[in-house]
């Protein structure tokens, strides 16, 4: 079995944080991921194409979006320390519903669908791990939906600014505004208001 590379510490720490696995299983899981690169403006997956991989972002920023009525809608922007995939396409091996593109050069730890499924043959608790992973994805979607339904535009801005302030210097404003469900003008106003309150 390949040696567990210390460079995969971020992935190992994430797995340890969310899933209760033994050290030996942790090594098996981590060794299924391979270090890959995604260059800026390169697609991770496109609408209509089956997404056959799941990646953990070591570095970089990835945008998930689609076009609706000739307007691009950003579903999410994924950053270092998070997983990225088209979850429906990856799980059911169906046509992708989202475009997934690198906004910066990215380093990823990637597992392909076949290896992911085959992990159940030699990792005893893989079914439970898989279930927990899907549950985490659903909770994230639920939280995002809740914020759009029950939080004001300013509350959504403050939440993102508190959790990921670096995004406001690295991601085009229109992408963040779309993800937050507001116009770029509204986001610009809220950002300027926040900057004035700090200074």
Protein backbone atom coordinates (compact mmCIF):
# COMPACT_ATOMS: atom_id res chain seq x y z
CA UNK A 1 0.00 0.00 0.00
CA UNK A 2 1.34 3.51 -0.84
CA UNK A 3 2.67 5.53 2.04
CA UNK A 4 0.27 8.17 3.39
CA UNK A 5 1.81 11.41 2.16
CA UNK A 6 2.14 14.11 4.81
CA UNK A 7 1.19 16.66 2.14
CA UNK A 8 -2.35 15.27 2.34
CA UNK A 9 -2.71 16.59 5.88
CA UNK A 10 -5.61 18.90 4.92
CA UNK A 11 -7.62 15.99 3.53
CA UNK A 12 -6.76 13.75 6.48
CA UNK A 13 -7.77 16.46 8.96
CA UNK A 14 -11.09 16.98 7.16
CA UNK A 15 -11.89 13.25 7.21
CA UNK A 16 -10.96 13.05 10.90
CA UNK A 17 -13.20 16.02 11.68
CA UNK A 18 -16.35 14.66 10.06
CA UNK A 19 -16.02 10.87 9.96
CA UNK A 20 -15.12 8.42 12.68
CA UNK A 21 -12.56 6.12 11.02
CA UNK A 22 -9.62 4.07 12.20
CA UNK A 23 -6.07 5.08 11.30
CA UNK A 24 -5.77 2.17 8.87
CA UNK A 25 -9.04 3.08 7.13
CA UNK A 26 -7.97 6.71 7.01
CA UNK A 27 -4.82 5.70 5.14
CA UNK A 28 -6.84 3.57 2.71
CA UNK A 29 -9.27 6.40 2.03
CA UNK A 30 -6.56 9.02 1.57
CA UNK A 31 -4.57 6.80 -0.76
CA UNK A 32 -7.58 6.66 -3.09
CA UNK A 33 -7.17 10.38 -3.75
CA UNK A 34 -4.60 11.57 -6.27
CA UNK A 35 -3.10 15.04 -6.47
CA UNK A 36 -4.37 16.76 -9.63
CA UNK A 37 -4.26 20.27 -11.04
CA UNK A 38 -6.92 22.47 -12.59
CA UNK A 39 -5.71 25.58 -14.37
CA UNK A 40 -7.52 28.92 -14.23
CA UNK A 41 -10.57 28.93 -16.57
CA UNK A 42 -10.37 25.13 -17.00
CA UNK A 43 -13.62 23.23 -16.46
CA UNK A 44 -13.91 20.58 -13.76
CA UNK A 45 -17.18 19.50 -15.37
CA UNK A 46 -19.80 20.89 -17.75
CA UNK A 47 -23.58 20.70 -18.01
CA UNK A 48 -24.58 17.52 -19.86
CA UNK A 49 -21.35 15.69 -19.05
CA UNK A 50 -21.34 12.98 -16.40
CA UNK A 51 -19.25 14.10 -13.44
CA UNK A 52 -17.08 11.08 -12.64
CA UNK A 53 -14.89 12.63 -9.95
CA UNK A 54 -14.98 14.13 -6.49
CA UNK A 55 -12.24 16.50 -5.36
CA UNK A 56 -11.00 18.08 -2.14
CA UNK A 57 -9.57 21.55 -2.77
CA UNK A 58 -5.99 21.86 -1.51
CA UNK A 59 -5.63 25.35 -2.97
CA UNK A 60 -7.55 27.62 -5.33
CA UNK A 61 -11.11 28.72 -5.98
CA UNK A 62 -13.80 26.95 -8.02
CA UNK A 63 -17.14 28.35 -9.20
CA UNK A 64 -20.32 26.31 -9.72
CA UNK A 65 -22.85 27.94 -12.05
CA UNK A 66 -25.35 27.59 -14.88
CA UNK A 67 -27.09 29.89 -17.35
CA UNK A 68 -30.78 30.68 -16.86
CA UNK A 69 -32.61 32.96 -19.34
CA UNK A 70 -29.28 34.17 -20.75
CA UNK A 71 -28.06 35.05 -17.27
CA UNK A 72 -25.37 33.20 -15.35
CA UNK A 73 -26.45 32.06 -11.89
CA UNK A 74 -23.70 31.17 -9.41
CA UNK A 75 -24.78 28.34 -7.14
CA UNK A 76 -21.63 28.24 -5.02
CA UNK A 77 -17.97 29.20 -4.87
CA UNK A 78 -15.78 26.50 -3.33
CA UNK A 79 -12.46 27.28 -1.66
CA UNK A 80 -9.55 25.56 0.05
CA UNK A 81 -10.59 22.87 2.51
CA UNK A 82 -13.88 21.90 0.86
CA UNK A 83 -15.10 19.22 -1.53
CA UNK A 84 -16.35 19.94 -5.03
CA UNK A 85 -18.41 17.85 -7.46
CA UNK A 86 -21.78 17.83 -9.18
CA UNK A 87 -23.30 15.73 -6.40
CA UNK A 88 -26.33 14.49 -8.36
CA UNK A 89 -24.29 13.59 -11.42
CA UNK A 90 -21.52 11.96 -9.37
CA UNK A 91 -23.92 9.91 -7.25
CA UNK A 92 -26.24 8.70 -10.01
CA UNK A 93 -23.77 8.95 -12.93
CA UNK A 94 -26.25 11.12 -14.77
CA UNK A 95 -25.80 14.19 -16.96
CA UNK A 96 -24.30 17.10 -15.05
CA UNK A 97 -26.59 20.01 -14.21
CA UNK A 98 -23.87 22.53 -13.37
CA UNK A 99 -20.81 24.05 -14.96
CA UNK A 100 -17.85 23.83 -12.59
CA UNK A 101 -14.86 26.02 -13.48
CA UNK A 102 -11.60 27.11 -11.86
CA UNK A 103 -11.41 30.82 -11.04
CA UNK A 104 -7.72 30.40 -10.14
CA UNK A 105 -5.09 27.73 -10.60
CA UNK A 106 -6.12 24.88 -8.28
CA UNK A 107 -4.52 21.88 -6.62
CA UNK A 108 -7.00 19.11 -5.87
CA UNK A 109 -7.05 15.72 -4.21
CA UNK A 110 -9.28 13.74 -6.57
CA UNK A 111 -11.02 10.37 -6.46
CA UNK A 112 -12.82 8.93 -9.50
CA UNK A 113 -16.30 7.44 -9.27
CA UNK A 114 -15.20 3.83 -9.87
CA UNK A 115 -12.61 3.98 -7.08
CA UNK A 116 -15.14 5.68 -4.79
CA UNK A 117 -17.68 2.88 -5.31
CA UNK A 118 -15.09 0.09 -5.08
CA UNK A 119 -13.90 1.41 -1.72
CA UNK A 120 -16.79 -0.47 -0.13
CA UNK A 121 -15.05 -3.77 -0.90
CA UNK A 122 -12.08 -3.13 1.39
CA UNK A 123 -13.13 -0.36 3.80
CA UNK A 124 -15.61 -1.93 6.27
CA UNK A 125 -17.54 1.22 7.19
CA UNK A 126 -17.52 2.82 3.75
CA UNK A 127 -21.33 2.71 3.39
CA UNK A 128 -21.66 4.71 6.62
CA UNK A 129 -18.99 7.19 5.52
CA UNK A 130 -20.71 7.61 2.16
CA UNK A 131 -24.05 8.23 3.88
CA UNK A 132 -22.52 10.84 6.19
CA UNK A 133 -20.83 12.59 3.27
CA UNK A 134 -24.10 12.85 1.34
CA UNK A 135 -25.81 14.10 4.51
CA UNK A 136 -23.19 16.85 4.91
CA UNK A 137 -23.84 17.89 1.31
CA UNK A 138 -27.59 18.03 1.90
CA UNK A 139 -27.16 20.05 5.10
CA UNK A 140 -25.00 22.57 3.23
CA UNK A 141 -27.67 22.89 0.52
CA UNK A 142 -30.36 23.27 3.19
CA UNK A 143 -28.39 26.01 4.99
CA UNK A 144 -27.88 27.87 1.72
CA UNK A 145 -31.60 27.66 0.96
CA UNK A 146 -32.48 28.84 4.46
CA UNK A 147 -30.23 31.89 4.12
CA UNK A 148 -31.96 32.90 0.89
CA UNK A 149 -35.44 32.43 2.35
CA UNK A 150 -35.03 33.81 5.86
CA UNK A 151 -32.04 36.17 5.91
CA UNK A 152 -31.89 39.72 4.59
CA UNK A 153 -29.38 40.68 1.89
CA UNK A 154 -27.24 42.38 4.53
CA UNK A 155 -27.33 39.32 6.79
CA UNK A 156 -26.26 37.07 3.91
CA UNK A 157 -23.42 39.47 3.08
CA UNK A 158 -22.22 39.65 6.69
CA UNK A 159 -22.26 35.85 7.00
CA UNK A 160 -20.11 35.37 3.89
CA UNK A 161 -17.82 38.28 4.77
CA UNK A 162 -17.25 36.85 8.25
CA UNK A 163 -16.64 33.29 7.06
CA UNK A 164 -14.67 34.00 3.86
CA UNK A 165 -13.46 37.62 3.76
CA UNK A 166 -10.67 36.75 1.30
CA UNK A 167 -13.25 36.01 -1.41
CA UNK A 168 -14.01 39.71 -1.74
CA UNK A 169 -10.47 40.32 -2.99
CA UNK A 170 -10.22 37.23 -5.19
CA UNK A 171 -13.61 36.69 -6.85
CA UNK A 172 -15.41 39.04 -9.30
CA UNK A 173 -18.16 40.94 -7.53
CA UNK A 174 -20.90 39.77 -9.91
CA UNK A 175 -20.23 36.11 -9.03
CA UNK A 176 -20.49 36.77 -5.30
CA UNK A 177 -23.61 38.87 -5.79
CA UNK A 178 -25.26 36.09 -7.81
CA UNK A 179 -24.40 33.50 -5.17
CA UNK A 180 -25.86 35.73 -2.48
CA UNK A 181 -29.02 36.43 -4.47
CA UNK A 182 -28.54 40.17 -4.91
CA UNK A 183 -27.41 42.67 -7.52
CA UNK A 184 -23.73 43.67 -7.81
CA UNK A 185 -24.79 47.21 -6.89
CA UNK A 186 -26.36 46.05 -3.63
CA UNK A 187 -23.30 43.95 -2.76
CA UNK A 188 -20.98 46.86 -3.54
CA UNK A 189 -23.01 49.14 -1.28
CA UNK A 190 -22.97 46.62 1.58
CA UNK A 191 -19.24 46.02 1.19
CA UNK A 192 -18.48 49.75 1.23
CA UNK A 193 -20.69 50.19 4.28
CA UNK A 194 -18.78 47.39 6.04
CA UNK A 195 -15.41 48.91 5.13
CA UNK A 196 -16.49 52.33 6.47
CA UNK A 197 -17.63 50.80 9.76
CA UNK A 198 -14.25 49.13 10.23
CA UNK A 199 -12.13 52.19 9.39
